[in-house]
PDB file of all heavy atoms in Angstrom:
ATOM      1  N   GLU A   1     -79.683 -66.998 151.175  1.00  0.00           N
ATOM      2  CA  GLU A   1     -78.336 -67.348 151.634  1.00  0.00           C
ATOM      3  C   GLU A   1     -77.385 -66.158 151.599  1.00  0.00           C
ATOM      4  O   GLU A   1     -76.194 -66.305 151.900  1.00  0.00           O
ATOM      5  CB  GLU A   1     -77.771 -68.477 150.753  1.00  0.00           C
ATOM      6  CG  GLU A   1     -78.631 -69.724 150.689  1.00  0.00           C
ATOM      7  CD  GLU A   1     -78.847 -70.357 152.065  1.00  0.00           C
ATOM      8  OE1 GLU A   1     -77.889 -70.362 152.858  1.00  0.00           O
ATOM      9  OE2 GLU A   1     -79.970 -70.815 152.326  1.00  0.00           O
ATOM     10  N   ALA A   2     -77.881 -64.997 151.236  1.00  0.00           N
ATOM     11  CA  ALA A   2     -77.016 -63.828 151.082  1.00  0.00           C
ATOM     12  C   ALA A   2     -76.446 -63.374 152.422  1.00  0.00           C
ATOM     13  O   ALA A   2     -77.005 -63.635 153.489  1.00  0.00           O
ATOM     14  CB  ALA A   2     -77.797 -62.681 150.433  1.00  0.00           C
ATOM     15  N   THR A   3     -75.335 -62.672 152.356  1.00  0.00           N
ATOM     16  CA  THR A   3     -74.649 -62.154 153.535  1.00  0.00           C
ATOM     17  C   THR A   3     -74.689 -60.628 153.536  1.00  0.00           C
ATOM     18  O   THR A   3     -75.148 -59.994 152.574  1.00  0.00           O
ATOM     19  CB  THR A   3     -73.185 -62.602 153.539  1.00  0.00           C
ATOM     20  OG1 THR A   3     -72.524 -62.015 152.389  1.00  0.00           O
ATOM     21  CG2 THR A   3     -73.071 -64.124 153.464  1.00  0.00           C
ATOM     22  N   ALA A   4     -74.164 -60.061 154.608  1.00  0.00           N
ATOM     23  CA  ALA A   4     -74.069 -58.604 154.689  1.00  0.00           C
ATOM     24  C   ALA A   4     -73.245 -58.055 153.531  1.00  0.00           C
ATOM     25  O   ALA A   4     -73.554 -56.990 152.977  1.00  0.00           O
ATOM     26  CB  ALA A   4     -73.447 -58.207 156.026  1.00  0.00           C
ATOM     27  N   GLU A   5     -72.196 -58.777 153.167  1.00  0.00           N
ATOM     28  CA  GLU A   5     -71.339 -58.345 152.063  1.00  0.00           C
ATOM     29  C   GLU A   5     -72.112 -58.302 150.740  1.00  0.00           C
ATOM     30  O   GLU A   5     -71.899 -57.413 149.916  1.00  0.00           O
ATOM     31  CB  GLU A   5     -70.129 -59.266 151.941  1.00  0.00           C
ATOM     32  CG  GLU A   5     -69.106 -59.136 153.068  1.00  0.00           C
ATOM     33  CD  GLU A   5     -69.595 -59.680 154.410  1.00  0.00           C
ATOM     34  OE1 GLU A   5     -70.468 -60.588 154.401  1.00  0.00           O
ATOM     35  OE2 GLU A   5     -69.135 -59.190 155.459  1.00  0.00           O
ATOM     36  N   ASP A   6     -73.017 -59.251 150.556  1.00  0.00           N
ATOM     37  CA  ASP A   6     -73.867 -59.236 149.359  1.00  0.00           C
ATOM     38  C   ASP A   6     -74.775 -58.008 149.357  1.00  0.00           C
ATOM     39  O   ASP A   6     -75.046 -57.416 148.308  1.00  0.00           O
ATOM     40  CB  ASP A   6     -74.719 -60.511 149.291  1.00  0.00           C
ATOM     41  CG  ASP A   6     -73.891 -61.762 149.127  1.00  0.00           C
ATOM     42  OD1 ASP A   6     -72.884 -61.726 148.390  1.00  0.00           O
ATOM     43  OD2 ASP A   6     -74.250 -62.790 149.744  1.00  0.00           O
ATOM     44  N   GLY A   7     -75.234 -57.642 150.544  1.00  0.00           N
ATOM     45  CA  GLY A   7     -76.082 -56.462 150.654  1.00  0.00           C
ATOM     46  C   GLY A   7     -75.342 -55.191 150.300  1.00  0.00           C
ATOM     47  O   GLY A   7     -75.862 -54.344 149.561  1.00  0.00           O
ATOM     48  N   THR A   8     -74.122 -55.023 150.804  1.00  0.00           N
ATOM     49  CA  THR A   8     -73.357 -53.814 150.482  1.00  0.00           C
ATOM     50  C   THR A   8     -72.986 -53.789 149.004  1.00  0.00           C
ATOM     51  O   THR A   8     -72.940 -52.717 148.392  1.00  0.00           O
ATOM     52  CB  THR A   8     -72.097 -53.700 151.358  1.00  0.00           C
ATOM     53  OG1 THR A   8     -71.322 -54.900 151.248  1.00  0.00           O
ATOM     54  CG2 THR A   8     -72.465 -53.476 152.817  1.00  0.00           C
ATOM     55  N   ALA A   9     -72.737 -54.964 148.430  1.00  0.00           N
ATOM     56  CA  ALA A   9     -72.461 -55.026 146.993  1.00  0.00           C
ATOM     57  C   ALA A   9     -73.683 -54.571 146.193  1.00  0.00           C
ATOM     58  O   ALA A   9     -73.553 -53.845 145.192  1.00  0.00           O
ATOM     59  CB  ALA A   9     -72.055 -56.445 146.596  1.00  0.00           C
ATOM     60  N   TRP A  10     -74.880 -54.981 146.635  1.00  0.00           N
ATOM     61  CA  TRP A  10     -76.123 -54.561 145.967  1.00  0.00           C
ATOM     62  C   TRP A  10     -76.282 -53.049 146.065  1.00  0.00           C
ATOM     63  O   TRP A  10     -76.680 -52.392 145.094  1.00  0.00           O
ATOM     64  CB  TRP A  10     -77.321 -55.262 146.603  1.00  0.00           C
ATOM     65  CG  TRP A  10     -78.621 -55.057 145.886  1.00  0.00           C
ATOM     66  CD1 TRP A  10     -79.189 -55.860 144.941  1.00  0.00           C
ATOM     67  CD2 TRP A  10     -79.537 -53.956 146.063  1.00  0.00           C
ATOM     68  NE1 TRP A  10     -80.389 -55.339 144.511  1.00  0.00           N
ATOM     69  CE2 TRP A  10     -80.634 -54.174 145.176  1.00  0.00           C
ATOM     70  CE3 TRP A  10     -79.546 -52.831 146.863  1.00  0.00           C
ATOM     71  CZ2 TRP A  10     -81.710 -53.299 145.092  1.00  0.00           C
ATOM     72  CZ3 TRP A  10     -80.615 -51.938 146.769  1.00  0.00           C
ATOM     73  CH2 TRP A  10     -81.685 -52.179 145.897  1.00  0.00           C
ATOM     74  N   ILE A  11     -75.968 -52.498 147.215  1.00  0.00           N
ATOM     75  CA  ILE A  11     -76.076 -51.048 147.403  1.00  0.00           C
ATOM     76  C   ILE A  11     -75.126 -50.319 146.455  1.00  0.00           C
ATOM     77  O   ILE A  11     -75.510 -49.380 145.756  1.00  0.00           O
ATOM     78  CB  ILE A  11     -75.789 -50.660 148.866  1.00  0.00           C
ATOM     79  CG1 ILE A  11     -76.868 -51.212 149.792  1.00  0.00           C
ATOM     80  CG2 ILE A  11     -75.695 -49.130 149.002  1.00  0.00           C
ATOM     81  CD1 ILE A  11     -76.503 -51.138 151.265  1.00  0.00           C
ATOM     82  N   ARG A  12     -73.865 -50.756 146.419  1.00  0.00           N
ATOM     83  CA  ARG A  12     -72.884 -50.093 145.551  1.00  0.00           C
ATOM     84  C   ARG A  12     -73.300 -50.176 144.079  1.00  0.00           C
ATOM     85  O   ARG A  12     -73.197 -49.200 143.329  1.00  0.00           O
ATOM     86  CB  ARG A  12     -71.503 -50.734 145.736  1.00  0.00           C
ATOM     87  CG  ARG A  12     -70.859 -50.469 147.092  1.00  0.00           C
ATOM     88  CD  ARG A  12     -69.428 -50.972 147.129  1.00  0.00           C
ATOM     89  NE  ARG A  12     -68.876 -50.931 148.468  1.00  0.00           N
ATOM     90  CZ  ARG A  12     -68.416 -49.840 149.082  1.00  0.00           C
ATOM     91  NH1 ARG A  12     -68.456 -48.678 148.443  1.00  0.00           N
ATOM     92  NH2 ARG A  12     -67.930 -49.917 150.303  1.00  0.00           N
ATOM     93  N   GLU A  13     -73.779 -51.334 143.682  1.00  0.00           N
ATOM     94  CA  GLU A  13     -74.207 -51.531 142.306  1.00  0.00           C
ATOM     95  C   GLU A  13     -75.387 -50.628 141.966  1.00  0.00           C
ATOM     96  O   GLU A  13     -75.448 -50.033 140.880  1.00  0.00           O
ATOM     97  CB  GLU A  13     -74.582 -53.003 142.098  1.00  0.00           C
ATOM     98  CG  GLU A  13     -74.970 -53.368 140.688  1.00  0.00           C
ATOM     99  CD  GLU A  13     -75.320 -54.843 140.565  1.00  0.00           C
ATOM    100  OE1 GLU A  13     -76.486 -55.189 140.833  1.00  0.00           O
ATOM    101  OE2 GLU A  13     -74.435 -55.640 140.220  1.00  0.00           O
ATOM    102  N   THR A  14     -76.331 -50.514 142.893  1.00  0.00           N
ATOM    103  CA  THR A  14     -77.513 -49.688 142.663  1.00  0.00           C
ATOM    104  C   THR A  14     -77.153 -48.210 142.599  1.00  0.00           C
ATOM    105  O   THR A  14     -77.647 -47.477 141.732  1.00  0.00           O
ATOM    106  CB  THR A  14     -78.556 -49.932 143.766  1.00  0.00           C
ATOM    107  OG1 THR A  14     -78.908 -51.323 143.774  1.00  0.00           O
ATOM    108  CG2 THR A  14     -79.806 -49.104 143.542  1.00  0.00           C
ATOM    109  N   VAL A  15     -76.289 -47.754 143.493  1.00  0.00           N
ATOM    110  CA  VAL A  15     -75.863 -46.351 143.483  1.00  0.00           C
ATOM    111  C   VAL A  15     -75.213 -46.015 142.149  1.00  0.00           C
ATOM    112  O   VAL A  15     -75.486 -44.963 141.549  1.00  0.00           O
ATOM    113  CB  VAL A  15     -74.901 -46.078 144.655  1.00  0.00           C
ATOM    114  CG1 VAL A  15     -74.244 -44.708 144.512  1.00  0.00           C
ATOM    115  CG2 VAL A  15     -75.649 -46.164 145.994  1.00  0.00           C
ATOM    116  N   ALA A  16     -74.353 -46.923 141.659  1.00  0.00           N
ATOM    117  CA  ALA A  16     -73.703 -46.699 140.364  1.00  0.00           C
ATOM    118  C   ALA A  16     -74.728 -46.710 139.228  1.00  0.00           C
ATOM    119  O   ALA A  16     -74.687 -45.875 138.316  1.00  0.00           O
ATOM    120  CB  ALA A  16     -72.634 -47.762 140.131  1.00  0.00           C
ATOM    121  N   MET A  17     -75.671 -47.641 139.287  1.00  0.00           N
ATOM    122  CA  MET A  17     -76.684 -47.775 138.247  1.00  0.00           C
ATOM    123  C   MET A  17     -77.559 -46.527 138.167  1.00  0.00           C
ATOM    124  O   MET A  17     -77.999 -46.127 137.088  1.00  0.00           O
ATOM    125  CB  MET A  17     -77.549 -49.006 138.545  1.00  0.00           C
ATOM    126  CG  MET A  17     -78.559 -49.361 137.480  1.00  0.00           C
ATOM    127  SD  MET A  17     -79.507 -50.831 137.938  1.00  0.00           S
ATOM    128  CE  MET A  17     -78.210 -52.061 137.990  1.00  0.00           C
ATOM    129  N   LEU A  18     -77.797 -45.905 139.314  1.00  0.00           N
ATOM    130  CA  LEU A  18     -78.658 -44.725 139.360  1.00  0.00           C
ATOM    131  C   LEU A  18     -77.885 -43.423 139.143  1.00  0.00           C
ATOM    132  O   LEU A  18     -78.459 -42.336 139.217  1.00  0.00           O
ATOM    133  CB  LEU A  18     -79.415 -44.671 140.691  1.00  0.00           C
ATOM    134  CG  LEU A  18     -80.768 -45.417 140.737  1.00  0.00           C
ATOM    135  CD1 LEU A  18     -80.624 -46.872 140.360  1.00  0.00           C
ATOM    136  CD2 LEU A  18     -81.399 -45.301 142.115  1.00  0.00           C
ATOM    137  N   GLY A  19     -76.597 -43.540 138.880  1.00  0.00           N
ATOM    138  CA  GLY A  19     -75.806 -42.378 138.492  1.00  0.00           C
ATOM    139  C   GLY A  19     -75.477 -41.412 139.605  1.00  0.00           C
ATOM    140  O   GLY A  19     -75.220 -40.232 139.344  1.00  0.00           O
ATOM    141  N   VAL A  20     -75.448 -41.885 140.841  1.00  0.00           N
ATOM    142  CA  VAL A  20     -75.103 -41.024 141.977  1.00  0.00           C
ATOM    143  C   VAL A  20     -73.611 -41.156 142.257  1.00  0.00           C
ATOM    144  O   VAL A  20     -73.105 -42.255 142.466  1.00  0.00           O
ATOM    145  CB  VAL A  20     -75.913 -41.394 143.227  1.00  0.00           C
ATOM    146  CG1 VAL A  20     -75.520 -40.493 144.393  1.00  0.00           C
ATOM    147  CG2 VAL A  20     -77.403 -41.256 142.938  1.00  0.00           C
ATOM    148  N   GLY A  21     -72.901 -40.044 142.256  1.00  0.00           N
ATOM    149  CA  GLY A  21     -71.456 -40.066 142.442  1.00  0.00           C
ATOM    150  C   GLY A  21     -71.040 -40.047 143.898  1.00  0.00           C
ATOM    151  O   GLY A  21     -71.868 -40.078 144.817  1.00  0.00           O
ATOM    152  N   GLY A  22     -69.729 -39.990 144.107  1.00  0.00           N
ATOM    153  CA  GLY A  22     -69.174 -39.931 145.454  1.00  0.00           C
ATOM    154  C   GLY A  22     -69.264 -38.538 146.047  1.00  0.00           C
ATOM    155  O   GLY A  22     -69.773 -37.596 145.420  1.00  0.00           O
ATOM    156  N   LEU A  23     -68.744 -38.392 147.250  1.00  0.00           N
ATOM    157  CA  LEU A  23     -68.847 -37.118 147.957  1.00  0.00           C
ATOM    158  C   LEU A  23     -68.086 -35.999 147.260  1.00  0.00           C
ATOM    159  O   LEU A  23     -68.491 -34.834 147.324  1.00  0.00           O
ATOM    160  CB  LEU A  23     -68.345 -37.279 149.394  1.00  0.00           C
ATOM    161  CG  LEU A  23     -69.184 -38.183 150.299  1.00  0.00           C
ATOM    162  CD1 LEU A  23     -68.521 -38.303 151.670  1.00  0.00           C
ATOM    163  CD2 LEU A  23     -70.607 -37.648 150.447  1.00  0.00           C
ATOM    164  N   ALA A  24     -66.993 -36.334 146.591  1.00  0.00           N
ATOM    165  CA  ALA A  24     -66.235 -35.295 145.880  1.00  0.00           C
ATOM    166  C   ALA A  24     -67.082 -34.685 144.774  1.00  0.00           C
ATOM    167  O   ALA A  24     -67.068 -33.461 144.553  1.00  0.00           O
ATOM    168  CB  ALA A  24     -64.954 -35.879 145.313  1.00  0.00           C
ATOM    169  N   SER A  25     -67.860 -35.517 144.083  1.00  0.00           N
ATOM    170  CA  SER A  25     -68.720 -35.009 143.019  1.00  0.00           C
ATOM    171  C   SER A  25     -69.850 -34.150 143.573  1.00  0.00           C
ATOM    172  O   SER A  25     -70.462 -33.362 142.848  1.00  0.00           O
ATOM    173  CB  SER A  25     -69.303 -36.167 142.204  1.00  0.00           C
ATOM    174  OG  SER A  25     -70.273 -36.877 142.954  1.00  0.00           O
ATOM    175  N   LEU A  26     -70.124 -34.309 144.873  1.00  0.00           N
ATOM    176  CA  LEU A  26     -71.176 -33.520 145.527  1.00  0.00           C
ATOM    177  C   LEU A  26     -70.623 -32.251 146.167  1.00  0.00           C
ATOM    178  O   LEU A  26     -71.369 -31.484 146.771  1.00  0.00           O
ATOM    179  CB  LEU A  26     -71.880 -34.372 146.588  1.00  0.00           C
ATOM    180  CG  LEU A  26     -72.575 -35.634 146.071  1.00  0.00           C
ATOM    181  CD1 LEU A  26     -73.151 -36.435 147.236  1.00  0.00           C
ATOM    182  CD2 LEU A  26     -73.670 -35.295 145.075  1.00  0.00           C
ATOM    183  N   GLY A  27     -69.290 -32.050 146.054  1.00  0.00           N
ATOM    184  CA  GLY A  27     -68.701 -30.806 146.525  1.00  0.00           C
ATOM    185  C   GLY A  27     -67.869 -30.898 147.790  1.00  0.00           C
ATOM    186  O   GLY A  27     -67.350 -29.882 148.261  1.00  0.00           O
ATOM    187  N   LEU A  28     -67.730 -32.107 148.358  1.00  0.00           N
ATOM    188  CA  LEU A  28     -66.921 -32.222 149.573  1.00  0.00           C
ATOM    189  C   LEU A  28     -65.450 -32.338 149.200  1.00  0.00           C
ATOM    190  O   LEU A  28     -65.064 -33.179 148.385  1.00  0.00           O
ATOM    191  CB  LEU A  28     -67.345 -33.436 150.397  1.00  0.00           C
ATOM    192  CG  LEU A  28     -66.677 -33.548 151.776  1.00  0.00           C
ATOM    193  CD1 LEU A  28     -67.151 -32.426 152.695  1.00  0.00           C
ATOM    194  CD2 LEU A  28     -66.961 -34.907 152.432  1.00  0.00           C
ATOM    195  N   THR A  29     -64.621 -31.508 149.804  1.00  0.00           N
ATOM    196  CA  THR A  29     -63.180 -31.526 149.555  1.00  0.00           C
ATOM    197  C   THR A  29     -62.446 -32.125 150.742  1.00  0.00           C
ATOM    198  O   THR A  29     -62.981 -32.201 151.852  1.00  0.00           O
ATOM    199  CB  THR A  29     -62.657 -30.098 149.313  1.00  0.00           C
ATOM    200  OG1 THR A  29     -62.887 -29.313 150.510  1.00  0.00           O
ATOM    201  CG2 THR A  29     -63.386 -29.444 148.147  1.00  0.00           C
ATOM    202  N   GLU A  30     -61.221 -32.528 150.506  1.00  0.00           N
ATOM    203  CA  GLU A  30     -60.407 -33.086 151.592  1.00  0.00           C
ATOM    204  C   GLU A  30     -60.212 -32.075 152.711  1.00  0.00           C
ATOM    205  O   GLU A  30     -60.120 -32.449 153.884  1.00  0.00           O
ATOM    206  CB  GLU A  30     -59.053 -33.550 151.041  1.00  0.00           C
ATOM    207  CG  GLU A  30     -59.144 -34.781 150.144  1.00  0.00           C
ATOM    208  CD  GLU A  30     -57.785 -35.356 149.795  1.00  0.00           C
ATOM    209  OE1 GLU A  30     -56.773 -34.877 150.360  1.00  0.00           O
ATOM    210  OE2 GLU A  30     -57.727 -36.277 148.966  1.00  0.00           O
TER     211      GLU A  30
END
């Protein structure tokens, strides 16, 4: 019964769980 929103939530949760940061932490600046 999951939706697309549930899928993106799973992705965000997994990225956080695996310790991968955002683009700024990877060196991208504004």
